[in-house]
Amino acid sequence: MSAAGDFYRYLGECPLVAIIRGVTPGEAEGIGAALFDRIPRAVMPSYLSGLVIGEELRCRPLEGRREVVVIGAPVLAERFERALRQRGIGVRRFGEEAAWRGLWAIHQRAVAGGEGA
């Protein structure tokens, strides 16, 4: 598609659509358009977030996975969930407090096991 076609394709998109475009394989080549102001400023942060999430998922061995656990802040976890579900992977999502609880549990076991604090 031409640069002008890309520009008009992104006009008026909501941020959520821009995120999905960013995580979709084959859309990453559109980063040049984003960097040269061909994507409206209102959706550029979401698009770039989608690119980063998409790259993160491409670097993970997800083939054959039916479900993954996502832990994080609500907005970011929702973005990962949408990206994973788009790829046919189920998601169990927990808030960022789950990470702190997990770290606390590891600490408690280490202390109980005599590994120090």
PDB file of N, CA and C in Angstrom:
ATOM      1  N   MET A   1       0.843  -1.169   0.000  1.00  0.00           N
ATOM      2  CA  MET A   1       0.000   0.000   0.000  1.00  0.00           C
ATOM      3  C   MET A   1       0.891   1.236   0.000  1.00  0.00           C
ATOM      4  N   SER A   2       0.450   2.314  -0.618  1.00  0.00           N
ATOM      5  CA  SER A   2       1.238   3.543  -0.699  1.00  0.00           C
ATOM      6  C   SER A   2       1.254   4.262   0.639  1.00  0.00           C
ATOM      7  N   ALA A   3       2.177   5.200   0.791  1.00  0.00           N
ATOM      8  CA  ALA A   3       2.250   5.999   2.015  1.00  0.00           C
ATOM      9  C   ALA A   3       0.951   6.768   2.223  1.00  0.00           C
ATOM     10  N   ALA A   4       0.386   7.296   1.150  1.00  0.00           N
ATOM     11  CA  ALA A   4      -0.882   8.020   1.278  1.00  0.00           C
ATOM     12  C   ALA A   4      -1.985   7.077   1.728  1.00  0.00           C
ATOM     13  N   GLY A   5      -1.984   5.863   1.205  1.00  0.00           N
ATOM     14  CA  GLY A   5      -2.977   4.868   1.620  1.00  0.00           C
ATOM     15  C   GLY A   5      -2.843   4.540   3.092  1.00  0.00           C
ATOM     16  N   ASP A   6      -1.594   4.388   3.561  1.00  0.00           N
ATOM     17  CA  ASP A   6      -1.370   4.150   4.987  1.00  0.00           C
ATOM     18  C   ASP A   6      -1.907   5.297   5.816  1.00  0.00           C
ATOM     19  N   PHE A   7      -1.637   6.506   5.368  1.00  0.00           N
ATOM     20  CA  PHE A   7      -2.080   7.694   6.101  1.00  0.00           C
ATOM     21  C   PHE A   7      -3.585   7.701   6.259  1.00  0.00           C
ATOM     22  N   TYR A   8      -4.305   7.506   5.197  1.00  0.00           N
ATOM     23  CA  TYR A   8      -5.756   7.549   5.268  1.00  0.00           C
ATOM     24  C   TYR A   8      -6.328   6.344   5.999  1.00  0.00           C
ATOM     25  N   ARG A   9      -5.638   5.230   5.936  1.00  0.00           N
ATOM     26  CA  ARG A   9      -6.090   4.043   6.651  1.00  0.00           C
ATOM     27  C   ARG A   9      -6.072   4.285   8.159  1.00  0.00           C
ATOM     28  N   TYR A  10      -5.093   5.023   8.659  1.00  0.00           N
ATOM     29  CA  TYR A  10      -4.977   5.262  10.091  1.00  0.00           C
ATOM     30  C   TYR A  10      -5.787   6.457  10.584  1.00  0.00           C
ATOM     31  N   LEU A  11      -6.244   7.293   9.689  1.00  0.00           N
ATOM     32  CA  LEU A  11      -7.021   8.453  10.120  1.00  0.00           C
ATOM     33  C   LEU A  11      -8.270   8.005  10.857  1.00  0.00           C
ATOM     34  N   GLY A  12      -8.522   8.616  11.949  1.00  0.00           N
ATOM     35  CA  GLY A  12      -9.744   8.344  12.682  1.00  0.00           C
ATOM     36  C   GLY A  12      -9.780   7.034  13.452  1.00  0.00           C
ATOM     37  N   GLU A  13      -8.689   6.292  13.486  1.00  0.00           N
ATOM     38  CA  GLU A  13      -8.692   5.052  14.239  1.00  0.00           C
ATOM     39  C   GLU A  13      -8.646   5.343  15.731  1.00  0.00           C
ATOM     40  N   CYS A  14      -9.338   4.517  16.482  1.00  0.00           N
ATOM     41  CA  CYS A  14      -9.256   4.656  17.930  1.00  0.00           C
ATOM     42  C   CYS A  14      -7.941   4.028  18.397  1.00  0.00           C
ATOM     43  N   PRO A  15      -7.468   4.397  19.583  1.00  0.00           N
ATOM     44  CA  PRO A  15      -6.197   3.851  20.077  1.00  0.00           C
ATOM     45  C   PRO A  15      -6.181   2.329  20.146  1.00  0.00           C
ATOM     46  N   LEU A  16      -7.303   1.687  20.503  1.00  0.00           N
ATOM     47  CA  LEU A  16      -7.325   0.236  20.598  1.00  0.00           C
ATOM     48  C   LEU A  16      -7.068  -0.418  19.248  1.00  0.00           C
ATOM     49  N   VAL A  17      -7.625   0.146  18.201  1.00  0.00           N
ATOM     50  CA  VAL A  17      -7.398  -0.389  16.854  1.00  0.00           C
ATOM     51  C   VAL A  17      -5.930  -0.220  16.482  1.00  0.00           C
ATOM     52  N   ALA A  18      -5.351   0.905  16.850  1.00  0.00           N
ATOM     53  CA  ALA A  18      -3.937   1.144  16.556  1.00  0.00           C
ATOM     54  C   ALA A  18      -3.050   0.133  17.286  1.00  0.00           C
ATOM     55  N   ILE A  19      -3.418  -0.227  18.510  1.00  0.00           N
ATOM     56  CA  ILE A  19      -2.649  -1.235  19.247  1.00  0.00           C
ATOM     57  C   ILE A  19      -2.683  -2.558  18.494  1.00  0.00           C
ATOM     58  N   ILE A  20      -3.868  -2.970  18.060  1.00  0.00           N
ATOM     59  CA  ILE A  20      -4.008  -4.241  17.342  1.00  0.00           C
ATOM     60  C   ILE A  20      -3.221  -4.197  16.042  1.00  0.00           C
ATOM     61  N   ARG A  21      -3.228  -3.069  15.344  1.00  0.00           N
ATOM     62  CA  ARG A  21      -2.423  -2.947  14.117  1.00  0.00           C
ATOM     63  C   ARG A  21      -0.945  -3.155  14.436  1.00  0.00           C
ATOM     64  N   GLY A  22      -0.505  -2.611  15.563  1.00  0.00           N
ATOM     65  CA  GLY A  22       0.898  -2.742  15.940  1.00  0.00           C
ATOM     66  C   GLY A  22       1.299  -4.153  16.275  1.00  0.00           C
ATOM     67  N   VAL A  23       0.392  -4.930  16.884  1.00  0.00           N
ATOM     68  CA  VAL A  23       0.753  -6.294  17.258  1.00  0.00           C
ATOM     69  C   VAL A  23       0.543  -7.290  16.135  1.00  0.00           C
ATOM     70  N   THR A  24      -0.100  -6.893  15.073  1.00  0.00           N
ATOM     71  CA  THR A  24      -0.372  -7.789  13.960  1.00  0.00           C
ATOM     72  C   THR A  24       0.882  -7.995  13.122  1.00  0.00           C
ATOM     73  N   PRO A  25       1.311  -9.251  12.940  1.00  0.00           N
ATOM     74  CA  PRO A  25       2.472  -9.491  12.089  1.00  0.00           C
ATOM     75  C   PRO A  25       2.248  -8.875  10.703  1.00  0.00           C
ATOM     76  N   GLY A  26       3.264  -8.258  10.183  1.00  0.00           N
ATOM     77  CA  GLY A  26       3.157  -7.621   8.871  1.00  0.00           C
ATOM     78  C   GLY A  26       2.850  -6.140   8.967  1.00  0.00           C
ATOM     79  N   GLU A  27       2.367  -5.705  10.115  1.00  0.00           N
ATOM     80  CA  GLU A  27       2.076  -4.284  10.292  1.00  0.00           C
ATOM     81  C   GLU A  27       3.316  -3.522  10.748  1.00  0.00           C
ATOM     82  N   ALA A  28       4.320  -4.241  11.237  1.00  0.00           N
ATOM     83  CA  ALA A  28       5.504  -3.583  11.789  1.00  0.00           C
ATOM     84  C   ALA A  28       6.217  -2.710  10.769  1.00  0.00           C
ATOM     85  N   GLU A  29       6.104  -3.053   9.480  1.00  0.00           N
ATOM     86  CA  GLU A  29       6.785  -2.214   8.492  1.00  0.00           C
ATOM     87  C   GLU A  29       6.185  -0.811   8.454  1.00  0.00           C
ATOM     88  N   GLY A  30       5.021  -0.645   9.050  1.00  0.00           N
ATOM     89  CA  GLY A  30       4.398   0.672   9.134  1.00  0.00           C
ATOM     90  C   GLY A  30       5.073   1.601  10.116  1.00  0.00           C
ATOM     91  N   ILE A  31       6.089   1.129  10.834  1.00  0.00           N
ATOM     92  CA  ILE A  31       6.756   1.999  11.797  1.00  0.00           C
ATOM     93  C   ILE A  31       7.411   3.194  11.120  1.00  0.00           C
ATOM     94  N   GLY A  32       7.853   3.013   9.893  1.00  0.00           N
ATOM     95  CA  GLY A  32       8.406   4.158   9.166  1.00  0.00           C
ATOM     96  C   GLY A  32       7.367   5.255   9.013  1.00  0.00           C
ATOM     97  N   ALA A  33       6.130   4.865   8.742  1.00  0.00           N
ATOM     98  CA  ALA A  33       5.053   5.849   8.629  1.00  0.00           C
ATOM     99  C   ALA A  33       4.848   6.562   9.953  1.00  0.00           C
ATOM    100  N   ALA A  34       4.900   5.814  11.056  1.00  0.00           N
ATOM    101  CA  ALA A  34       4.703   6.427  12.369  1.00  0.00           C
ATOM    102  C   ALA A  34       5.802   7.435  12.670  1.00  0.00           C
ATOM    103  N   LEU A  35       7.011   7.082  12.304  1.00  0.00           N
ATOM    104  CA  LEU A  35       8.129   7.964  12.615  1.00  0.00           C
ATOM    105  C   LEU A  35       8.146   9.218  11.755  1.00  0.00           C
ATOM    106  N   PHE A  36       7.457   9.208  10.636  1.00  0.00           N
ATOM    107  CA  PHE A  36       7.435  10.368   9.755  1.00  0.00           C
ATOM    108  C   PHE A  36       6.089  11.075   9.767  1.00  0.00           C
ATOM    109  N   ASP A  37       5.403  10.998  10.885  1.00  0.00           N
ATOM    110  CA  ASP A  37       4.137  11.729  11.088  1.00  0.00           C
ATOM    111  C   ASP A  37       3.050  11.390  10.079  1.00  0.00           C
ATOM    112  N   ARG A  38       3.001  10.181   9.609  1.00  0.00           N
ATOM    113  CA  ARG A  38       1.919   9.785   8.704  1.00  0.00           C
ATOM    114  C   ARG A  38       0.763   9.163   9.465  1.00  0.00           C
ATOM    115  N   ILE A  39       0.984   8.885  10.726  1.00  0.00           N
ATOM    116  CA  ILE A  39      -0.075   8.373  11.584  1.00  0.00           C
ATOM    117  C   ILE A  39      -0.465   9.529  12.503  1.00  0.00           C
ATOM    118  N   PRO A  40      -1.746   9.773  12.668  1.00  0.00           N
ATOM    119  CA  PRO A  40      -2.173  10.874  13.536  1.00  0.00           C
ATOM    120  C   PRO A  40      -1.557  10.759  14.929  1.00  0.00           C
ATOM    121  N   ARG A  41      -1.165  11.886  15.471  1.00  0.00           N
ATOM    122  CA  ARG A  41      -0.530  11.902  16.792  1.00  0.00           C
ATOM    123  C   ARG A  41      -1.385  11.251  17.864  1.00  0.00           C
ATOM    124  N   ALA A  42      -2.693  11.351  17.751  1.00  0.00           N
ATOM    125  CA  ALA A  42      -3.588  10.799  18.775  1.00  0.00           C
ATOM    126  C   ALA A  42      -3.460   9.283  18.914  1.00  0.00           C
ATOM    127  N   VAL A  43      -3.138   8.579  17.843  1.00  0.00           N
ATOM    128  CA  VAL A  43      -3.043   7.116  17.919  1.00  0.00           C
ATOM    129  C   VAL A  43      -1.601   6.616  17.915  1.00  0.00           C
ATOM    130  N   MET A  44      -0.640   7.487  17.714  1.00  0.00           N
ATOM    131  CA  MET A  44       0.753   7.050  17.627  1.00  0.00           C
ATOM    132  C   MET A  44       1.230   6.333  18.896  1.00  0.00           C
ATOM    133  N   PRO A  45       0.949   6.836  20.107  1.00  0.00           N
ATOM    134  CA  PRO A  45       1.416   6.089  21.288  1.00  0.00           C
ATOM    135  C   PRO A  45       0.836   4.676  21.357  1.00  0.00           C
ATOM    136  N   SER A  46      -0.425   4.524  21.004  1.00  0.00           N
ATOM    137  CA  SER A  46      -1.044   3.202  21.026  1.00  0.00           C
ATOM    138  C   SER A  46      -0.441   2.301  19.958  1.00  0.00           C
ATOM    139  N   TYR A  47      -0.192   2.855  18.781  1.00  0.00           N
ATOM    140  CA  TYR A  47       0.406   2.079  17.695  1.00  0.00           C
ATOM    141  C   TYR A  47       1.801   1.593  18.103  1.00  0.00           C
ATOM    142  N   LEU A  48       2.597   2.504  18.651  1.00  0.00           N
ATOM    143  CA  LEU A  48       3.943   2.128  19.064  1.00  0.00           C
ATOM    144  C   LEU A  48       3.905   1.114  20.204  1.00  0.00           C
ATOM    145  N   SER A  49       2.946   1.253  21.117  1.00  0.00           N
ATOM    146  CA  SER A  49       2.769   0.265  22.172  1.00  0.00           C
ATOM    147  C   SER A  49       2.472  -1.097  21.557  1.00  0.00           C
ATOM    148  N   GLY A  50       1.620  -1.112  20.550  1.00  0.00           N
ATOM    149  CA  GLY A  50       1.307  -2.356  19.855  1.00  0.00           C
ATOM    150  C   GLY A  50       2.528  -2.961  19.190  1.00  0.00           C
ATOM    151  N   LEU A  51       3.378  -2.121  18.622  1.00  0.00           N
ATOM    152  CA  LEU A  51       4.610  -2.633  18.004  1.00  0.00           C
ATOM    153  C   LEU A  51       5.504  -3.305  19.037  1.00  0.00           C
ATOM    154  N   VAL A  52       5.645  -2.662  20.190  1.00  0.00           N
ATOM    155  CA  VAL A  52       6.502  -3.216  21.240  1.00  0.00           C
ATOM    156  C   VAL A  52       5.908  -4.524  21.770  1.00  0.00           C
ATOM    157  N   ILE A  53       4.598  -4.533  22.025  1.00  0.00           N
ATOM    158  CA  ILE A  53       3.947  -5.751  22.497  1.00  0.00           C
ATOM    159  C   ILE A  53       4.062  -6.853  21.442  1.00  0.00           C
ATOM    160  N   GLY A  54       3.845  -6.499  20.194  1.00  0.00           N
ATOM    161  CA  GLY A  54       3.967  -7.481  19.119  1.00  0.00           C
ATOM    162  C   GLY A  54       5.354  -8.092  19.053  1.00  0.00           C
ATOM    163  N   GLU A  55       6.378  -7.264  19.203  1.00  0.00           N
ATOM    164  CA  GLU A  55       7.751  -7.766  19.185  1.00  0.00           C
ATOM    165  C   GLU A  55       8.024  -8.659  20.389  1.00  0.00           C
ATOM    166  N   GLU A  56       7.511  -8.250  21.535  1.00  0.00           N
ATOM    167  CA  GLU A  56       7.658  -9.061  22.743  1.00  0.00           C
ATOM    168  C   GLU A  56       7.051 -10.452  22.526  1.00  0.00           C
ATOM    169  N   LEU A  57       5.867 -10.499  21.952  1.00  0.00           N
ATOM    170  CA  LEU A  57       5.210 -11.786  21.719  1.00  0.00           C
ATOM    171  C   LEU A  57       5.919 -12.599  20.647  1.00  0.00           C
ATOM    172  N   ARG A  58       6.485 -11.949  19.644  1.00  0.00           N
ATOM    173  CA  ARG A  58       7.216 -12.671  18.602  1.00  0.00           C
ATOM    174  C   ARG A  58       8.475 -13.335  19.161  1.00  0.00           C
ATOM    175  N   CYS A  59       9.021 -12.773  20.241  1.00  0.00           N
ATOM    176  CA  CYS A  59      10.250 -13.304  20.834  1.00  0.00           C
ATOM    177  C   CYS A  59       9.986 -14.411  21.855  1.00  0.00           C
ATOM    178  N   ARG A  60       8.735 -14.711  22.106  1.00  0.00           N
ATOM    179  CA  ARG A  60       8.367 -15.735  23.087  1.00  0.00           C
ATOM    180  C   ARG A  60       7.951 -17.025  22.388  1.00  0.00           C
ATOM    181  N   PRO A  61       8.299 -18.167  22.989  1.00  0.00           N
ATOM    182  CA  PRO A  61       7.876 -19.449  22.403  1.00  0.00           C
ATOM    183  C   PRO A  61       6.408 -19.732  22.740  1.00  0.00           C
ATOM    184  N   LEU A  62       5.499 -19.193  21.963  1.00  0.00           N
ATOM    185  CA  LEU A  62       4.069 -19.317  22.242  1.00  0.00           C
ATOM    186  C   LEU A  62       3.369 -20.371  21.391  1.00  0.00           C
ATOM    187  N   GLU A  63       4.071 -20.962  20.437  1.00  0.00           N
ATOM    188  CA  GLU A  63       3.450 -21.961  19.585  1.00  0.00           C
ATOM    189  C   GLU A  63       2.933 -23.111  20.437  1.00  0.00           C
ATOM    190  N   GLY A  64       1.705 -23.516  20.190  1.00  0.00           N
ATOM    191  CA  GLY A  64       1.118 -24.621  20.909  1.00  0.00           C
ATOM    192  C   GLY A  64       0.559 -24.268  22.275  1.00  0.00           C
ATOM    193  N   ARG A  65       0.758 -23.048  22.703  1.00  0.00           N
ATOM    194  CA  ARG A  65       0.212 -22.625  24.001  1.00  0.00           C
ATOM    195  C   ARG A  65      -1.273 -22.359  23.861  1.00  0.00           C
ATOM    196  N   ARG A  66      -2.038 -22.862  24.789  1.00  0.00           N
ATOM    197  CA  ARG A  66      -3.477 -22.614  24.774  1.00  0.00           C
ATOM    198  C   ARG A  66      -3.834 -21.451  25.691  1.00  0.00           C
ATOM    199  N   GLU A  67      -3.002 -21.234  26.722  1.00  0.00           N
ATOM    200  CA  GLU A  67      -3.298 -20.188  27.680  1.00  0.00           C
ATOM    201  C   GLU A  67      -2.006 -19.714  28.335  1.00  0.00           C
ATOM    202  N   VAL A  68      -1.951 -18.438  28.664  1.00  0.00           N
ATOM    203  CA  VAL A  68      -0.837 -17.877  29.412  1.00  0.00           C
ATOM    204  C   VAL A  68      -1.396 -17.008  30.534  1.00  0.00           C
ATOM    205  N   VAL A  69      -0.559 -16.720  31.509  1.00  0.00           N
ATOM    206  CA  VAL A  69      -0.925 -15.830  32.608  1.00  0.00           C
ATOM    207  C   VAL A  69      -0.253 -14.490  32.356  1.00  0.00           C
ATOM    208  N   VAL A  70      -1.035 -13.430  32.467  1.00  0.00           N
ATOM    209  CA  VAL A  70      -0.516 -12.072  32.315  1.00  0.00           C
ATOM    210  C   VAL A  70      -0.678 -11.363  33.648  1.00  0.00           C
ATOM    211  N   ILE A  71       0.424 -10.809  34.153  1.00  0.00           N
ATOM    212  CA  ILE A  71       0.413 -10.078  35.413  1.00  0.00           C
ATOM    213  C   ILE A  71       0.915  -8.676  35.132  1.00  0.00           C
ATOM    214  N   GLY A  72       0.160  -7.675  35.557  1.00  0.00           N
ATOM    215  CA  GLY A  72       0.623  -6.318  35.359  1.00  0.00           C
ATOM    216  C   GLY A  72      -0.446  -5.282  35.630  1.00  0.00           C
ATOM    217  N   ALA A  73      -0.070  -4.041  35.385  1.00  0.00           N
ATOM    218  CA  ALA A  73      -1.004  -2.927  35.538  1.00  0.00           C
ATOM    219  C   ALA A  73      -2.177  -3.145  34.582  1.00  0.00           C
ATOM    220  N   PRO A  74      -3.376  -2.752  34.976  1.00  0.00           N
ATOM    221  CA  PRO A  74      -4.569  -3.041  34.174  1.00  0.00           C
ATOM    222  C   PRO A  74      -4.487  -2.642  32.701  1.00  0.00           C
ATOM    223  N   VAL A  75      -4.019  -1.455  32.402  1.00  0.00           N
ATOM    224  CA  VAL A  75      -3.992  -1.002  31.005  1.00  0.00           C
ATOM    225  C   VAL A  75      -3.039  -1.851  30.176  1.00  0.00           C
ATOM    226  N   LEU A  76      -1.849  -2.083  30.684  1.00  0.00           N
ATOM    227  CA  LEU A  76      -0.867  -2.864  29.939  1.00  0.00           C
ATOM    228  C   LEU A  76      -1.297  -4.333  29.835  1.00  0.00           C
ATOM    229  N   ALA A  77      -1.823  -4.885  30.929  1.00  0.00           N
ATOM    230  CA  ALA A  77      -2.276  -6.274  30.901  1.00  0.00           C
ATOM    231  C   ALA A  77      -3.401  -6.454  29.886  1.00  0.00           C
ATOM    232  N   GLU A  78      -4.308  -5.468  29.797  1.00  0.00           N
ATOM    233  CA  GLU A  78      -5.388  -5.558  28.809  1.00  0.00           C
ATOM    234  C   GLU A  78      -4.839  -5.546  27.390  1.00  0.00           C
ATOM    235  N   ARG A  79      -3.808  -4.754  27.147  1.00  0.00           N
ATOM    236  CA  ARG A  79      -3.204  -4.718  25.808  1.00  0.00           C
ATOM    237  C   ARG A  79      -2.576  -6.057  25.456  1.00  0.00           C
ATOM    238  N   PHE A  80      -1.860  -6.656  26.407  1.00  0.00           N
ATOM    239  CA  PHE A  80      -1.277  -7.973  26.153  1.00  0.00           C
ATOM    240  C   PHE A  80      -2.369  -9.018  25.954  1.00  0.00           C
ATOM    241  N   GLU A  81      -3.434  -8.927  26.754  1.00  0.00           N
ATOM    242  CA  GLU A  81      -4.528  -9.883  26.611  1.00  0.00           C
ATOM    243  C   GLU A  81      -5.142  -9.804  25.223  1.00  0.00           C
ATOM    244  N   ARG A  82      -5.403  -8.598  24.738  1.00  0.00           N
ATOM    245  CA  ARG A  82      -5.981  -8.440  23.393  1.00  0.00           C
ATOM    246  C   ARG A  82      -5.053  -9.010  22.325  1.00  0.00           C
ATOM    247  N   ALA A  83      -3.766  -8.748  22.472  1.00  0.00           N
ATOM    248  CA  ALA A  83      -2.797  -9.240  21.490  1.00  0.00           C
ATOM    249  C   ALA A  83      -2.738 -10.766  21.501  1.00  0.00           C
ATOM    250  N   LEU A  84      -2.737 -11.351  22.687  1.00  0.00           N
ATOM    251  CA  LEU A  84      -2.674 -12.806  22.796  1.00  0.00           C
ATOM    252  C   LEU A  84      -3.947 -13.457  22.282  1.00  0.00           C
ATOM    253  N   ARG A  85      -5.084 -12.896  22.627  1.00  0.00           N
ATOM    254  CA  ARG A  85      -6.356 -13.462  22.158  1.00  0.00           C
ATOM    255  C   ARG A  85      -6.466 -13.369  20.636  1.00  0.00           C
ATOM    256  N   GLN A  86      -5.902 -12.304  20.066  1.00  0.00           N
ATOM    257  CA  GLN A  86      -5.897 -12.176  18.602  1.00  0.00           C
ATOM    258  C   GLN A  86      -5.128 -13.335  17.973  1.00  0.00           C
ATOM    259  N   ARG A  87      -4.151 -13.862  18.677  1.00  0.00           N
ATOM    260  CA  ARG A  87      -3.348 -14.989  18.195  1.00  0.00           C
ATOM    261  C   ARG A  87      -3.929 -16.339  18.610  1.00  0.00           C
ATOM    262  N   GLY A  88      -5.133 -16.304  19.209  1.00  0.00           N
ATOM    263  CA  GLY A  88      -5.797 -17.544  19.589  1.00  0.00           C
ATOM    264  C   GLY A  88      -5.313 -18.137  20.892  1.00  0.00           C
ATOM    265  N   ILE A  89      -4.678 -17.352  21.727  1.00  0.00           N
ATOM    266  CA  ILE A  89      -4.155 -17.826  23.006  1.00  0.00           C
ATOM    267  C   ILE A  89      -5.029 -17.263  24.129  1.00  0.00           C
ATOM    268  N   GLY A  90      -5.519 -18.143  24.981  1.00  0.00           N
ATOM    269  CA  GLY A  90      -6.324 -17.723  26.124  1.00  0.00           C
ATOM    270  C   GLY A  90      -5.463 -17.019  27.161  1.00  0.00           C
ATOM    271  N   VAL A  91      -6.098 -16.211  27.982  1.00  0.00           N
ATOM    272  CA  VAL A  91      -5.359 -15.411  28.962  1.00  0.00           C
ATOM    273  C   VAL A  91      -6.049 -15.483  30.321  1.00  0.00           C
ATOM    274  N   ARG A  92      -5.247 -15.692  31.351  1.00  0.00           N
ATOM    275  CA  ARG A  92      -5.685 -15.495  32.733  1.00  0.00           C
ATOM    276  C   ARG A  92      -4.936 -14.264  33.204  1.00  0.00           C
ATOM    277  N   ARG A  93      -5.677 -13.253  33.602  1.00  0.00           N
ATOM    278  CA  ARG A  93      -5.052 -11.964  33.929  1.00  0.00           C
ATOM    279  C   ARG A  93      -5.169 -11.686  35.419  1.00  0.00           C
ATOM    280  N   PHE A  94      -4.050 -11.232  35.987  1.00  0.00           N
ATOM    281  CA  PHE A  94      -3.998 -10.838  37.391  1.00  0.00           C
ATOM    282  C   PHE A  94      -3.405  -9.444  37.472  1.00  0.00           C
ATOM    283  N   GLY A  95      -3.810  -8.701  38.488  1.00  0.00           N
ATOM    284  CA  GLY A  95      -3.295  -7.352  38.684  1.00  0.00           C
ATOM    285  C   GLY A  95      -1.847  -7.361  39.133  1.00  0.00           C
ATOM    286  N   GLU A  96      -1.257  -6.177  39.101  1.00  0.00           N
ATOM    287  CA  GLU A  96       0.160  -6.054  39.439  1.00  0.00           C
ATOM    288  C   GLU A  96       0.465  -6.483  40.866  1.00  0.00           C
ATOM    289  N   GLU A  97      -0.541  -6.491  41.747  1.00  0.00           N
ATOM    290  CA  GLU A  97      -0.310  -6.919  43.128  1.00  0.00           C
ATOM    291  C   GLU A  97       0.098  -8.386  43.187  1.00  0.00           C
ATOM    292  N   ALA A  98      -0.251  -9.162  42.175  1.00  0.00           N
ATOM    293  CA  ALA A  98       0.122 -10.576  42.150  1.00  0.00           C
ATOM    294  C   ALA A  98       1.645 -10.735  42.125  1.00  0.00           C
ATOM    295  N   ALA A  99       2.339  -9.836  41.458  1.00  0.00           N
ATOM    296  CA  ALA A  99       3.809  -9.907  41.421  1.00  0.00           C
ATOM    297  C   ALA A  99       4.381  -9.685  42.821  1.00  0.00           C
ATOM    298  N   TRP A 100       3.825  -8.702  43.543  1.00  0.00           N
ATOM    299  CA  TRP A 100       4.311  -8.432  44.905  1.00  0.00           C
ATOM    300  C   TRP A 100       4.010  -9.606  45.832  1.00  0.00           C
ATOM    301  N   ARG A 101       2.825 -10.185  45.691  1.00  0.00           N
ATOM    302  CA  ARG A 101       2.481 -11.342  46.522  1.00  0.00           C
ATOM    303  C   ARG A 101       3.427 -12.506  46.235  1.00  0.00           C
ATOM    304  N   GLY A 102       3.739 -12.705  44.963  1.00  0.00           N
ATOM    305  CA  GLY A 102       4.664 -13.770  44.591  1.00  0.00           C
ATOM    306  C   GLY A 102       6.059 -13.547  45.160  1.00  0.00           C
ATOM    307  N   LEU A 103       6.536 -12.319  45.074  1.00  0.00           N
ATOM    308  CA  LEU A 103       7.855 -12.003  45.628  1.00  0.00           C
ATOM    309  C   LEU A 103       7.866 -12.179  47.148  1.00  0.00           C
ATOM    310  N   TRP A 104       6.771 -11.786  47.795  1.00  0.00           N
ATOM    311  CA  TRP A 104       6.667 -11.951  49.251  1.00  0.00           C
ATOM    312  C   TRP A 104       6.682 -13.435  49.611  1.00  0.00           C
ATOM    313  N   ALA A 105       5.971 -14.260  48.853  1.00  0.00           N
ATOM    314  CA  ALA A 105       5.950 -15.698  49.116  1.00  0.00           C
ATOM    315  C   ALA A 105       7.345 -16.300  48.950  1.00  0.00           C
ATOM    316  N   ILE A 106       8.071 -15.876  47.930  1.00  0.00           N
ATOM    317  CA  ILE A 106       9.443 -16.358  47.723  1.00  0.00           C
ATOM    318  C   ILE A 106      10.315 -15.955  48.906  1.00  0.00           C
ATOM    319  N   HIS A 107      10.174 -14.725  49.356  1.00  0.00           N
ATOM    320  CA  HIS A 107      10.942 -14.248  50.510  1.00  0.00           C
ATOM    321  C   HIS A 107      10.629 -15.083  51.751  1.00  0.00           C
ATOM    322  N   GLN A 108       9.329 -15.309  52.000  1.00  0.00           N
ATOM    323  CA  GLN A 108       8.931 -16.078  53.180  1.00  0.00           C
ATOM    324  C   GLN A 108       9.503 -17.495  53.141  1.00  0.00           C
ATOM    325  N   ARG A 109       9.503 -18.119  51.997  1.00  0.00           N
ATOM    326  CA  ARG A 109      10.072 -19.471  51.880  1.00  0.00           C
ATOM    327  C   ARG A 109      11.577 -19.458  52.089  1.00  0.00           C
ATOM    328  N   ALA A 110      12.230 -18.423  51.559  1.00  0.00           N
ATOM    329  CA  ALA A 110      13.677 -18.316  51.728  1.00  0.00           C
ATOM    330  C   ALA A 110      14.030 -18.148  53.204  1.00  0.00           C
ATOM    331  N   VAL A 111      13.288 -17.305  53.916  1.00  0.00           N
ATOM    332  CA  VAL A 111      13.534 -17.085  55.338  1.00  0.00           C
ATOM    333  C   VAL A 111      13.252 -18.356  56.122  1.00  0.00           C
ATOM    334  N   ALA A 112      12.141 -19.018  55.809  1.00  0.00           N
ATOM    335  CA  ALA A 112      11.773 -20.261  56.529  1.00  0.00           C
ATOM    336  C   ALA A 112      12.784 -21.371  56.248  1.00  0.00           C
ATOM    337  N   GLY A 113      13.372 -21.345  55.079  1.00  0.00           N
ATOM    338  CA  GLY A 113      14.343 -22.381  54.706  1.00  0.00           C
ATOM    339  C   GLY A 113      15.746 -22.066  55.169  1.00  0.00           C
ATOM    340  N   GLY A 114      15.928 -20.945  55.856  1.00  0.00           N
ATOM    341  CA  GLY A 114      17.243 -20.572  56.372  1.00  0.00           C
ATOM    342  C   GLY A 114      18.159 -19.975  55.333  1.00  0.00           C
ATOM    343  N   GLU A 115      17.599 -19.463  54.211  1.00  0.00           N
ATOM    344  CA  GLU A 115      18.435 -18.886  53.165  1.00  0.00           C
ATOM    345  C   GLU A 115      18.694 -17.406  53.398  1.00  0.00           C
ATOM    346  N   GLY A 116      18.253 -16.855  54.508  1.00  0.00           N
ATOM    347  CA  GLY A 116      18.490 -15.453  54.808  1.00  0.00           C
ATOM    348  C   GLY A 116      17.395 -14.569  54.281  1.00  0.00           C
ATOM    349  N   ALA A 117      17.449 -13.330  54.713  1.00  0.00           N
ATOM    350  CA  ALA A 117      16.404 -12.378  54.311  1.00  0.00           C
ATOM    351  C   ALA A 117      16.833 -11.527  53.165  1.00  0.00           C
TER     352      ALA A 117
END
